């Protein structure tokens, strides 16, 4: 009878050891899943800490290269970043820049209707070639199916280029 008690005690010890190993393994596995999830959730918040809008300024051209009142299409070239890589000097898009004295107004080249690229039609208007939306030089909608004016973009003039 004594040998039965001993084998029963050993079985209980083995069961307890297996329970501890199962719980510890589950905890390690849970932490392994939680760490990438925490980075995924907090990365956008950490990236936007640097500015109030979450964006960065991109240098375009010298103020002196803009003619007063004449729109100029300028490519936006900057570094493009995804989760793991950075591509240097990638053309991200373009903007229309219009100088008025020492101020510069920027308008998106993307038509608000369906995203086509807006071009200059004549001296007074912009034209979207896809569906003939037209816009005045200040970006206001003149005609066509566009639901709104051209989108203005923030600008900042810096002395040190």
Foldseek 3Di string as FASTA:
>chain_A
DVVVVVVVVVVVVVVVVVVVVVVVVVVVVVVVVVVVVVCVVCVQVVQQPVDPVSDDDFDWDAPVVADAQDKDKTFGFAWDDDDPDIDGGDGPAIWIWHDHPPDIWTFHQFQQPPGAGWADDDSFWIFRVPFTFIAGSVQATDDTDGPTGTDIDDDDDDPPD
